[in-house]
């Protein structure tokens, strides 16, 4: 049933995913209703909801625009289910914003495959990565994906290697101006984010622990499957799939390095993992296997979501 519904890209699919995002976002949000008394907080929550929704549809755009999957909506559905699996992300403003900017960067880097206006794409991707790092500092290591992309496509032009540094100067200038306008608190927050920690005993309840364990198993399965299937993909798309794999590994690195850990930091792995998951599901010729995978992920995500309400 689920595999059949999301096997095609139809308006009803987008409507269903939109309903899912709305339902789970506000269900979790109403765990605590203090924010409904303040107009500014209501605007903030609505803004975050719109940013989350746009992020989900951006994953679909990246996937379909760059032919990373067939004409289906598996990737955006999986991305939504990962958000449901870790509902603390739904109220983490900095992670939602940082992840959105990284998605904008990933979009530009994967489209570098076309070799159309490569310098603009390198600058845009680098700039968005540095902006994301102002919200969560360790997003800065995503810049590695920019240099990996340069190696794959445009390494012969030395000017392409300089562009990320120009983007860094531009983003830093804007950040300094923002600090001067709004105070040093922004700088102190960024400095606190620069700390590292390898303490993984942060769980507030057993369900967060279970969610991480199950997500890790799903992630390993999808990544291994993607690596195994890579040789069967069109040669002109190999670099794009490799960038997706590297993007996931960098996302894991951000989670590992971050201080004050919580499951929200796994958000940086969701988009590449959703793309790899969509590839694996659509490659299955037997219908009941596709259905079983999706149903299992849905049951795990919704079950653990309800347990954490």
C-alpha atoms as a PDB file:
ATOM      1  CA  UNK A   1       0.000   0.000   0.000  1.00  0.00           C
ATOM      2  CA  UNK A   2       2.585   2.574   1.090  1.00  0.00           C
ATOM      3  CA  UNK A   3       5.058   1.590  -1.626  1.00  0.00           C
ATOM      4  CA  UNK A   4       2.328   1.857  -4.241  1.00  0.00           C
ATOM      5  CA  UNK A   5       1.251   5.296  -3.039  1.00  0.00           C
ATOM      6  CA  UNK A   6       4.740   6.814  -2.936  1.00  0.00           C
ATOM      7  CA  UNK A   7       5.989   4.956  -6.011  1.00  0.00           C
ATOM      8  CA  UNK A   8       4.750   7.838  -8.157  1.00  0.00           C
ATOM      9  CA  UNK A   9       5.124  11.578  -7.956  1.00  0.00           C
ATOM     10  CA  UNK A  10       1.531  12.760  -7.698  1.00  0.00           C
ATOM     11  CA  UNK A  11      -0.093  15.806  -6.074  1.00  0.00           C
ATOM     12  CA  UNK A  12      -1.781  13.510  -3.536  1.00  0.00           C
ATOM     13  CA  UNK A  13       1.652  12.360  -2.337  1.00  0.00           C
ATOM     14  CA  UNK A  14       2.709  15.922  -1.564  1.00  0.00           C
ATOM     15  CA  UNK A  15      -0.589  16.535   0.183  1.00  0.00           C
ATOM     16  CA  UNK A  16      -0.167  13.402   2.321  1.00  0.00           C
ATOM     17  CA  UNK A  17       3.367  14.326   3.325  1.00  0.00           C
ATOM     18  CA  UNK A  18       2.238  17.866   4.071  1.00  0.00           C
ATOM     19  CA  UNK A  19      -0.473  16.485   6.366  1.00  0.00           C
ATOM     20  CA  UNK A  20       2.051  14.203   8.100  1.00  0.00           C
ATOM     21  CA  UNK A  21       4.475  17.061   8.765  1.00  0.00           C
ATOM     22  CA  UNK A  22       1.682  19.268  10.103  1.00  0.00           C
ATOM     23  CA  UNK A  23       0.189  16.539  12.291  1.00  0.00           C
ATOM     24  CA  UNK A  24       3.394  15.365  13.953  1.00  0.00           C
ATOM     25  CA  UNK A  25       4.885  18.844  14.294  1.00  0.00           C
ATOM     26  CA  UNK A  26       1.922  20.267  16.169  1.00  0.00           C
ATOM     27  CA  UNK A  27       1.310  17.074  18.158  1.00  0.00           C
ATOM     28  CA  UNK A  28       4.800  17.359  19.600  1.00  0.00           C
ATOM     29  CA  UNK A  29       4.597  21.113  19.930  1.00  0.00           C
ATOM     30  CA  UNK A  30       1.501  20.914  22.120  1.00  0.00           C
ATOM     31  CA  UNK A  31       3.343  18.851  24.714  1.00  0.00           C
ATOM     32  CA  UNK A  32       3.917  22.247  26.277  1.00  0.00           C
ATOM     33  CA  UNK A  33       1.533  25.078  25.463  1.00  0.00           C
ATOM     34  CA  UNK A  34       3.305  27.980  27.184  1.00  0.00           C
ATOM     35  CA  UNK A  35       4.269  29.442  23.805  1.00  0.00           C
ATOM     36  CA  UNK A  36       0.636  30.076  22.751  1.00  0.00           C
ATOM     37  CA  UNK A  37       0.541  32.996  25.199  1.00  0.00           C
ATOM     38  CA  UNK A  38       3.227  34.917  23.305  1.00  0.00           C
ATOM     39  CA  UNK A  39       2.674  36.211  19.787  1.00  0.00           C
ATOM     40  CA  UNK A  40       6.417  36.274  19.020  1.00  0.00           C
ATOM     41  CA  UNK A  41       6.751  32.590  19.941  1.00  0.00           C
ATOM     42  CA  UNK A  42       3.728  31.689  17.826  1.00  0.00           C
ATOM     43  CA  UNK A  43       5.361  33.374  14.843  1.00  0.00           C
ATOM     44  CA  UNK A  44       8.608  31.520  15.586  1.00  0.00           C
ATOM     45  CA  UNK A  45       6.869  28.126  15.734  1.00  0.00           C
ATOM     46  CA  UNK A  46       4.982  28.785  12.518  1.00  0.00           C
ATOM     47  CA  UNK A  47       8.206  29.920  10.852  1.00  0.00           C
ATOM     48  CA  UNK A  48       9.995  26.732  11.929  1.00  0.00           C
ATOM     49  CA  UNK A  49       7.103  24.643  10.657  1.00  0.00           C
ATOM     50  CA  UNK A  50       7.336  26.302   7.241  1.00  0.00           C
ATOM     51  CA  UNK A  51      11.110  25.809   7.208  1.00  0.00           C
ATOM     52  CA  UNK A  52      10.706  22.109   8.037  1.00  0.00           C
ATOM     53  CA  UNK A  53       8.088  21.674   5.330  1.00  0.00           C
ATOM     54  CA  UNK A  54      10.286  23.471   2.803  1.00  0.00           C
ATOM     55  CA  UNK A  55      13.240  21.270   3.814  1.00  0.00           C
ATOM     56  CA  UNK A  56      11.210  18.128   3.107  1.00  0.00           C
ATOM     57  CA  UNK A  57      10.212  19.350  -0.339  1.00  0.00           C
ATOM     58  CA  UNK A  58      13.772  20.523  -0.995  1.00  0.00           C
ATOM     59  CA  UNK A  59      14.967  16.934  -0.461  1.00  0.00           C
ATOM     60  CA  UNK A  60      12.495  15.845  -3.131  1.00  0.00           C
ATOM     61  CA  UNK A  61      13.701  18.606  -5.476  1.00  0.00           C
ATOM     62  CA  UNK A  62      17.362  17.608  -5.035  1.00  0.00           C
ATOM     63  CA  UNK A  63      16.546  13.957  -5.657  1.00  0.00           C
ATOM     64  CA  UNK A  64      14.407  14.368  -8.743  1.00  0.00           C
ATOM     65  CA  UNK A  65      16.209  17.333 -10.340  1.00  0.00           C
ATOM     66  CA  UNK A  66      19.514  15.437 -10.313  1.00  0.00           C
ATOM     67  CA  UNK A  67      18.028  12.046 -11.288  1.00  0.00           C
ATOM     68  CA  UNK A  68      19.140  10.453  -8.014  1.00  0.00           C
ATOM     69  CA  UNK A  69      15.997   8.325  -7.992  1.00  0.00           C
ATOM     70  CA  UNK A  70      13.150   7.489 -10.321  1.00  0.00           C
ATOM     71  CA  UNK A  71       9.882   9.379 -10.509  1.00  0.00           C
ATOM     72  CA  UNK A  72       8.773   8.682  -6.928  1.00  0.00           C
ATOM     73  CA  UNK A  73       8.503  10.407  -3.546  1.00  0.00           C
ATOM     74  CA  UNK A  74      10.265   7.813  -1.380  1.00  0.00           C
ATOM     75  CA  UNK A  75      13.064  10.214  -0.397  1.00  0.00           C
ATOM     76  CA  UNK A  76      10.827  12.938   1.007  1.00  0.00           C
ATOM     77  CA  UNK A  77       8.668  10.347   2.768  1.00  0.00           C
ATOM     78  CA  UNK A  78      11.712   8.756   4.431  1.00  0.00           C
ATOM     79  CA  UNK A  79      13.027  12.203   5.410  1.00  0.00           C
ATOM     80  CA  UNK A  80       9.686  12.922   7.086  1.00  0.00           C
ATOM     81  CA  UNK A  81       9.741   9.606   8.954  1.00  0.00           C
ATOM     82  CA  UNK A  82      13.249  10.312  10.253  1.00  0.00           C
ATOM     83  CA  UNK A  83      11.993  13.632  11.624  1.00  0.00           C
ATOM     84  CA  UNK A  84       9.164  11.779  13.344  1.00  0.00           C
ATOM     85  CA  UNK A  85      11.599   9.233  14.782  1.00  0.00           C
ATOM     86  CA  UNK A  86      13.555  12.033  16.511  1.00  0.00           C
ATOM     87  CA  UNK A  87      10.891  14.583  17.506  1.00  0.00           C
ATOM     88  CA  UNK A  88      13.313  16.708  19.564  1.00  0.00           C
ATOM     89  CA  UNK A  89      14.437  18.105  16.198  1.00  0.00           C
ATOM     90  CA  UNK A  90      10.984  19.632  15.746  1.00  0.00           C
ATOM     91  CA  UNK A  91      11.648  22.163  18.519  1.00  0.00           C
ATOM     92  CA  UNK A  92      15.358  22.748  17.933  1.00  0.00           C
ATOM     93  CA  UNK A  93      15.497  26.073  16.120  1.00  0.00           C
ATOM     94  CA  UNK A  94      19.243  26.139  15.435  1.00  0.00           C
ATOM     95  CA  UNK A  95      19.346  22.612  14.014  1.00  0.00           C
ATOM     96  CA  UNK A  96      16.346  23.192  11.752  1.00  0.00           C
ATOM     97  CA  UNK A  97      17.863  26.398  10.358  1.00  0.00           C
ATOM     98  CA  UNK A  98      21.389  24.962  10.012  1.00  0.00           C
ATOM     99  CA  UNK A  99      20.100  21.849   8.269  1.00  0.00           C
ATOM    100  CA  UNK A 100      18.057  23.952   5.860  1.00  0.00           C
ATOM    101  CA  UNK A 101      21.160  25.891   4.802  1.00  0.00           C
ATOM    102  CA  UNK A 102      23.115  22.646   4.369  1.00  0.00           C
ATOM    103  CA  UNK A 103      20.349  21.357   2.096  1.00  0.00           C
ATOM    104  CA  UNK A 104      20.723  24.502  -0.015  1.00  0.00           C
ATOM    105  CA  UNK A 105      24.454  23.797  -0.188  1.00  0.00           C
ATOM    106  CA  UNK A 106      23.922  20.129  -1.086  1.00  0.00           C
ATOM    107  CA  UNK A 107      21.549  21.162  -3.867  1.00  0.00           C
ATOM    108  CA  UNK A 108      24.236  23.353  -5.447  1.00  0.00           C
ATOM    109  CA  UNK A 109      27.018  20.799  -5.038  1.00  0.00           C
ATOM    110  CA  UNK A 110      25.112  17.937  -6.604  1.00  0.00           C
ATOM    111  CA  UNK A 111      24.007  20.154  -9.509  1.00  0.00           C
ATOM    112  CA  UNK A 112      27.707  20.869 -10.147  1.00  0.00           C
ATOM    113  CA  UNK A 113      27.530  17.658 -12.172  1.00  0.00           C
ATOM    114  CA  UNK A 114      26.122  19.672 -15.098  1.00  0.00           C
ATOM    115  CA  UNK A 115      29.231  21.948 -15.194  1.00  0.00           C
ATOM    116  CA  UNK A 116      26.934  24.927 -15.804  1.00  0.00           C
ATOM    117  CA  UNK A 117      28.173  28.037 -13.910  1.00  0.00           C
ATOM    118  CA  UNK A 118      30.416  25.971 -11.602  1.00  0.00           C
ATOM    119  CA  UNK A 119      32.007  28.996  -9.907  1.00  0.00           C
ATOM    120  CA  UNK A 120      28.632  30.380  -8.841  1.00  0.00           C
ATOM    121  CA  UNK A 121      27.611  26.992  -7.479  1.00  0.00           C
ATOM    122  CA  UNK A 122      30.848  26.587  -5.525  1.00  0.00           C
ATOM    123  CA  UNK A 123      30.450  30.055  -4.021  1.00  0.00           C
ATOM    124  CA  UNK A 124      26.773  29.518  -3.149  1.00  0.00           C
ATOM    125  CA  UNK A 125      27.404  26.126  -1.545  1.00  0.00           C
ATOM    126  CA  UNK A 126      30.373  27.416   0.464  1.00  0.00           C
ATOM    127  CA  UNK A 127      28.462  30.496   1.589  1.00  0.00           C
ATOM    128  CA  UNK A 128      25.457  28.456   2.790  1.00  0.00           C
ATOM    129  CA  UNK A 129      27.749  26.082   4.670  1.00  0.00           C
ATOM    130  CA  UNK A 130      29.439  28.929   6.525  1.00  0.00           C
ATOM    131  CA  UNK A 131      26.039  30.469   7.321  1.00  0.00           C
ATOM    132  CA  UNK A 132      24.891  27.088   8.677  1.00  0.00           C
ATOM    133  CA  UNK A 133      27.984  26.960  10.885  1.00  0.00           C
ATOM    134  CA  UNK A 134      26.885  30.179  12.601  1.00  0.00           C
ATOM    135  CA  UNK A 135      23.834  28.265  13.856  1.00  0.00           C
ATOM    136  CA  UNK A 136      25.735  25.053  14.642  1.00  0.00           C
ATOM    137  CA  UNK A 137      29.497  25.459  14.418  1.00  0.00           C
ATOM    138  CA  UNK A 138      30.485  21.925  13.403  1.00  0.00           C
ATOM    139  CA  UNK A 139      28.500  22.268  10.196  1.00  0.00           C
ATOM    140  CA  UNK A 140      31.697  23.948   9.005  1.00  0.00           C
ATOM    141  CA  UNK A 141      33.243  20.549   8.238  1.00  0.00           C
ATOM    142  CA  UNK A 142      30.647  20.232   5.472  1.00  0.00           C
ATOM    143  CA  UNK A 143      33.058  22.450   3.511  1.00  0.00           C
ATOM    144  CA  UNK A 144      34.972  19.231   2.836  1.00  0.00           C
ATOM    145  CA  UNK A 145      32.171  18.282   0.465  1.00  0.00           C
ATOM    146  CA  UNK A 146      32.848  21.449  -1.536  1.00  0.00           C
ATOM    147  CA  UNK A 147      36.488  20.460  -2.079  1.00  0.00           C
ATOM    148  CA  UNK A 148      35.457  16.865  -2.854  1.00  0.00           C
ATOM    149  CA  UNK A 149      33.077  18.233  -5.497  1.00  0.00           C
ATOM    150  CA  UNK A 150      35.843  20.408  -6.965  1.00  0.00           C
ATOM    151  CA  UNK A 151      38.062  17.328  -7.233  1.00  0.00           C
ATOM    152  CA  UNK A 152      35.279  15.419  -9.011  1.00  0.00           C
ATOM    153  CA  UNK A 153      34.417  18.100 -11.569  1.00  0.00           C
ATOM    154  CA  UNK A 154      36.512  21.277 -11.867  1.00  0.00           C
ATOM    155  CA  UNK A 155      39.867  20.733 -10.200  1.00  0.00           C
ATOM    156  CA  UNK A 156      41.939  21.957 -13.139  1.00  0.00           C
ATOM    157  CA  UNK A 157      40.932  25.606 -12.728  1.00  0.00           C
ATOM    158  CA  UNK A 158      42.900  26.927  -9.735  1.00  0.00           C
ATOM    159  CA  UNK A 159      40.334  29.716  -9.227  1.00  0.00           C
ATOM    160  CA  UNK A 160      37.752  27.180  -8.101  1.00  0.00           C
ATOM    161  CA  UNK A 161      39.936  26.311  -5.102  1.00  0.00           C
ATOM    162  CA  UNK A 162      40.000  29.949  -4.012  1.00  0.00           C
ATOM    163  CA  UNK A 163      36.239  30.545  -4.170  1.00  0.00           C
ATOM    164  CA  UNK A 164      35.393  28.848  -0.809  1.00  0.00           C
ATOM    165  CA  UNK A 165      37.784  31.240   0.942  1.00  0.00           C
ATOM    166  CA  UNK A 166      36.032  34.211  -0.705  1.00  0.00           C
ATOM    167  CA  UNK A 167      32.711  32.800   0.517  1.00  0.00           C
ATOM    168  CA  UNK A 168      34.183  32.452   4.013  1.00  0.00           C
ATOM    169  CA  UNK A 169      35.216  36.112   4.008  1.00  0.00           C
ATOM    170  CA  UNK A 170      31.756  37.170   2.800  1.00  0.00           C
ATOM    171  CA  UNK A 171      29.866  35.096   5.375  1.00  0.00           C
ATOM    172  CA  UNK A 172      32.190  36.153   8.203  1.00  0.00           C
ATOM    173  CA  UNK A 173      31.754  39.831   7.323  1.00  0.00           C
ATOM    174  CA  UNK A 174      27.980  39.482   7.515  1.00  0.00           C
ATOM    175  CA  UNK A 175      28.268  37.618  10.814  1.00  0.00           C
ATOM    176  CA  UNK A 176      30.488  40.316  12.355  1.00  0.00           C
ATOM    177  CA  UNK A 177      28.013  42.991  11.274  1.00  0.00           C
ATOM    178  CA  UNK A 178      25.185  40.975  12.839  1.00  0.00           C
ATOM    179  CA  UNK A 179      27.111  40.651  16.112  1.00  0.00           C
ATOM    180  CA  UNK A 180      27.750  44.406  16.142  1.00  0.00           C
ATOM    181  CA  UNK A 181      24.052  45.075  15.603  1.00  0.00           C
ATOM    182  CA  UNK A 182      22.573  42.540  18.023  1.00  0.00           C
ATOM    183  CA  UNK A 183      25.268  42.152  20.687  1.00  0.00           C
ATOM    184  CA  UNK A 184      28.034  39.756  21.718  1.00  0.00           C
ATOM    185  CA  UNK A 185      25.661  37.008  22.841  1.00  0.00           C
ATOM    186  CA  UNK A 186      25.703  35.608  19.310  1.00  0.00           C
ATOM    187  CA  UNK A 187      29.490  35.330  19.458  1.00  0.00           C
ATOM    188  CA  UNK A 188      29.426  33.604  22.855  1.00  0.00           C
ATOM    189  CA  UNK A 189      26.846  31.110  21.570  1.00  0.00           C
ATOM    190  CA  UNK A 190      29.059  30.317  18.593  1.00  0.00           C
ATOM    191  CA  UNK A 191      32.110  29.930  20.834  1.00  0.00           C
ATOM    192  CA  UNK A 192      30.205  27.484  23.046  1.00  0.00           C
ATOM    193  CA  UNK A 193      29.312  25.470  19.921  1.00  0.00           C
ATOM    194  CA  UNK A 194      33.009  25.130  19.077  1.00  0.00           C
ATOM    195  CA  UNK A 195      33.523  22.722  21.961  1.00  0.00           C
ATOM    196  CA  UNK A 196      33.722  19.000  21.254  1.00  0.00           C
ATOM    197  CA  UNK A 197      32.443  16.071  23.258  1.00  0.00           C
ATOM    198  CA  UNK A 198      32.447  12.310  22.810  1.00  0.00           C
ATOM    199  CA  UNK A 199      29.938  11.679  25.585  1.00  0.00           C
ATOM    200  CA  UNK A 200      27.094   9.578  24.191  1.00  0.00           C
ATOM    201  CA  UNK A 201      25.240   9.105  27.491  1.00  0.00           C
ATOM    202  CA  UNK A 202      22.903  12.041  26.968  1.00  0.00           C
ATOM    203  CA  UNK A 203      19.608  10.175  26.655  1.00  0.00           C
ATOM    204  CA  UNK A 204      16.681  11.635  28.568  1.00  0.00           C
ATOM    205  CA  UNK A 205      14.655   8.415  28.294  1.00  0.00           C
ATOM    206  CA  UNK A 206      15.027   4.875  27.016  1.00  0.00           C
ATOM    207  CA  UNK A 207      13.020   5.638  23.873  1.00  0.00           C
ATOM    208  CA  UNK A 208      15.693   8.053  22.620  1.00  0.00           C
ATOM    209  CA  UNK A 209      18.247   5.285  23.087  1.00  0.00           C
ATOM    210  CA  UNK A 210      16.102   2.796  21.178  1.00  0.00           C
ATOM    211  CA  UNK A 211      15.483   5.337  18.405  1.00  0.00           C
ATOM    212  CA  UNK A 212      19.225   5.901  17.960  1.00  0.00           C
ATOM    213  CA  UNK A 213      19.948   2.163  17.894  1.00  0.00           C
ATOM    214  CA  UNK A 214      17.256   1.451  15.287  1.00  0.00           C
ATOM    215  CA  UNK A 215      18.201   4.480  13.181  1.00  0.00           C
ATOM    216  CA  UNK A 216      21.851   3.379  13.212  1.00  0.00           C
ATOM    217  CA  UNK A 217      20.842  -0.065  11.958  1.00  0.00           C
ATOM    218  CA  UNK A 218      18.719   1.422   9.171  1.00  0.00           C
ATOM    219  CA  UNK A 219      21.535   3.804   8.236  1.00  0.00           C
ATOM    220  CA  UNK A 220      24.175   1.071   8.004  1.00  0.00           C
ATOM    221  CA  UNK A 221      21.822  -1.028   5.886  1.00  0.00           C
ATOM    222  CA  UNK A 222      21.024   1.773   3.411  1.00  0.00           C
ATOM    223  CA  UNK A 223      24.645   2.965   3.138  1.00  0.00           C
ATOM    224  CA  UNK A 224      26.017  -0.532   2.514  1.00  0.00           C
ATOM    225  CA  UNK A 225      23.262  -1.136  -0.059  1.00  0.00           C
ATOM    226  CA  UNK A 226      24.068   2.158  -1.825  1.00  0.00           C
ATOM    227  CA  UNK A 227      27.788   1.361  -2.012  1.00  0.00           C
ATOM    228  CA  UNK A 228      26.975  -2.111  -3.355  1.00  0.00           C
ATOM    229  CA  UNK A 229      24.616  -0.702  -6.005  1.00  0.00           C
ATOM    230  CA  UNK A 230      26.950   2.090  -7.114  1.00  0.00           C
ATOM    231  CA  UNK A 231      28.583   0.099  -9.905  1.00  0.00           C
ATOM    232  CA  UNK A 232      25.174  -0.520 -11.441  1.00  0.00           C
ATOM    233  CA  UNK A 233      24.327   3.182 -11.660  1.00  0.00           C
ATOM    234  CA  UNK A 234      24.958   5.272 -14.812  1.00  0.00           C
ATOM    235  CA  UNK A 235      28.607   6.346 -14.911  1.00  0.00           C
ATOM    236  CA  UNK A 236      27.713  10.014 -15.271  1.00  0.00           C
ATOM    237  CA  UNK A 237      25.876   9.846 -11.906  1.00  0.00           C
ATOM    238  CA  UNK A 238      28.624   8.091  -9.926  1.00  0.00           C
ATOM    239  CA  UNK A 239      30.069  11.348  -8.606  1.00  0.00           C
ATOM    240  CA  UNK A 240      26.605  12.508  -7.468  1.00  0.00           C
ATOM    241  CA  UNK A 241      25.987   9.311  -5.512  1.00  0.00           C
ATOM    242  CA  UNK A 242      29.464   9.527  -3.994  1.00  0.00           C
ATOM    243  CA  UNK A 243      28.694  13.066  -2.842  1.00  0.00           C
ATOM    244  CA  UNK A 244      25.523  11.777  -1.206  1.00  0.00           C
ATOM    245  CA  UNK A 245      27.536   9.113   0.643  1.00  0.00           C
ATOM    246  CA  UNK A 246      30.178  11.654   1.708  1.00  0.00           C
ATOM    247  CA  UNK A 247      27.399  13.999   2.813  1.00  0.00           C
ATOM    248  CA  UNK A 248      26.044  11.307   5.112  1.00  0.00           C
ATOM    249  CA  UNK A 249      29.488  10.571   6.575  1.00  0.00           C
ATOM    250  CA  UNK A 250      30.089  14.275   7.210  1.00  0.00           C
ATOM    251  CA  UNK A 251      26.686  14.464   8.886  1.00  0.00           C
ATOM    252  CA  UNK A 252      27.727  11.622  11.201  1.00  0.00           C
ATOM    253  CA  UNK A 253      30.976  13.486  11.945  1.00  0.00           C
ATOM    254  CA  UNK A 254      29.013  16.604  12.934  1.00  0.00           C
ATOM    255  CA  UNK A 255      26.985  14.506  15.364  1.00  0.00           C
ATOM    256  CA  UNK A 256      30.081  12.827  16.818  1.00  0.00           C
ATOM    257  CA  UNK A 257      32.045  16.061  17.313  1.00  0.00           C
ATOM    258  CA  UNK A 258      29.236  18.208  18.719  1.00  0.00           C
ATOM    259  CA  UNK A 259      29.164  19.068  22.407  1.00  0.00           C
ATOM    260  CA  UNK A 260      25.944  18.918  24.465  1.00  0.00           C
ATOM    261  CA  UNK A 261      24.829  16.047  22.271  1.00  0.00           C
ATOM    262  CA  UNK A 262      21.257  15.072  21.603  1.00  0.00           C
ATOM    263  CA  UNK A 263      19.530  13.130  18.847  1.00  0.00           C
ATOM    264  CA  UNK A 264      18.643  16.376  17.047  1.00  0.00           C
ATOM    265  CA  UNK A 265      22.175  16.518  15.645  1.00  0.00           C
ATOM    266  CA  UNK A 266      21.415  13.450  13.535  1.00  0.00           C
ATOM    267  CA  UNK A 267      19.260  15.715  11.331  1.00  0.00           C
ATOM    268  CA  UNK A 268      22.321  16.421   9.186  1.00  0.00           C
ATOM    269  CA  UNK A 269      22.309  12.781   8.037  1.00  0.00           C
ATOM    270  CA  UNK A 270      18.620  12.596   7.113  1.00  0.00           C
ATOM    271  CA  UNK A 271      18.679  13.967   3.554  1.00  0.00           C
ATOM    272  CA  UNK A 272      21.508  11.787   2.179  1.00  0.00           C
ATOM    273  CA  UNK A 273      20.168   8.746   4.020  1.00  0.00           C
ATOM    274  CA  UNK A 274      16.666   9.355   2.629  1.00  0.00           C
ATOM    275  CA  UNK A 275      18.110   9.522  -0.898  1.00  0.00           C
ATOM    276  CA  UNK A 276      20.039   6.273  -0.391  1.00  0.00           C
ATOM    277  CA  UNK A 277      16.961   4.651   1.146  1.00  0.00           C
ATOM    278  CA  UNK A 278      14.837   5.696  -1.831  1.00  0.00           C
ATOM    279  CA  UNK A 279      17.419   4.131  -4.161  1.00  0.00           C
ATOM    280  CA  UNK A 280      17.331   0.858  -2.283  1.00  0.00           C
ATOM    281  CA  UNK A 281      13.531   0.664  -2.063  1.00  0.00           C
ATOM    282  CA  UNK A 282      12.956   1.432  -5.738  1.00  0.00           C
ATOM    283  CA  UNK A 283      15.552  -1.184  -6.714  1.00  0.00           C
ATOM    284  CA  UNK A 284      13.490  -3.956  -5.124  1.00  0.00           C
ATOM    285  CA  UNK A 285      11.514  -5.774  -7.786  1.00  0.00           C
ATOM    286  CA  UNK A 286       9.349  -7.710  -5.325  1.00  0.00           C
ATOM    287  CA  UNK A 287       6.458  -5.562  -4.141  1.00  0.00           C
ATOM    288  CA  UNK A 288       6.094  -7.074  -0.665  1.00  0.00           C
ATOM    289  CA  UNK A 289       9.734  -6.281   0.131  1.00  0.00           C
ATOM    290  CA  UNK A 290       9.202  -2.593  -0.684  1.00  0.00           C
ATOM    291  CA  UNK A 291       6.011  -2.585   1.368  1.00  0.00           C
ATOM    292  CA  UNK A 292       7.647  -4.341   4.311  1.00  0.00           C
ATOM    293  CA  UNK A 293      10.554  -1.888   4.461  1.00  0.00           C
ATOM    294  CA  UNK A 294       8.306   1.168   4.414  1.00  0.00           C
ATOM    295  CA  UNK A 295       5.783  -0.265   6.880  1.00  0.00           C
ATOM    296  CA  UNK A 296       8.581  -1.231   9.277  1.00  0.00           C
ATOM    297  CA  UNK A 297      10.092   2.272   9.170  1.00  0.00           C
ATOM    298  CA  UNK A 298       6.647   3.845   9.674  1.00  0.00           C
ATOM    299  CA  UNK A 299       5.807   1.598  12.639  1.00  0.00           C
ATOM    300  CA  UNK A 300       9.184   2.266  14.283  1.00  0.00           C
ATOM    301  CA  UNK A 301       8.979   6.032  13.737  1.00  0.00           C
ATOM    302  CA  UNK A 302       5.376   6.542  14.835  1.00  0.00           C
ATOM    303  CA  UNK A 303       5.656   4.080  17.726  1.00  0.00           C
ATOM    304  CA  UNK A 304       8.698   5.809  19.200  1.00  0.00           C
ATOM    305  CA  UNK A 305       7.211   9.245  18.489  1.00  0.00           C
ATOM    306  CA  UNK A 306       4.088   8.410  20.501  1.00  0.00           C
ATOM    307  CA  UNK A 307       6.226   6.957  23.291  1.00  0.00           C
ATOM    308  CA  UNK A 308       8.064  10.279  23.608  1.00  0.00           C
ATOM    309  CA  UNK A 309       4.968  12.483  23.769  1.00  0.00           C
END
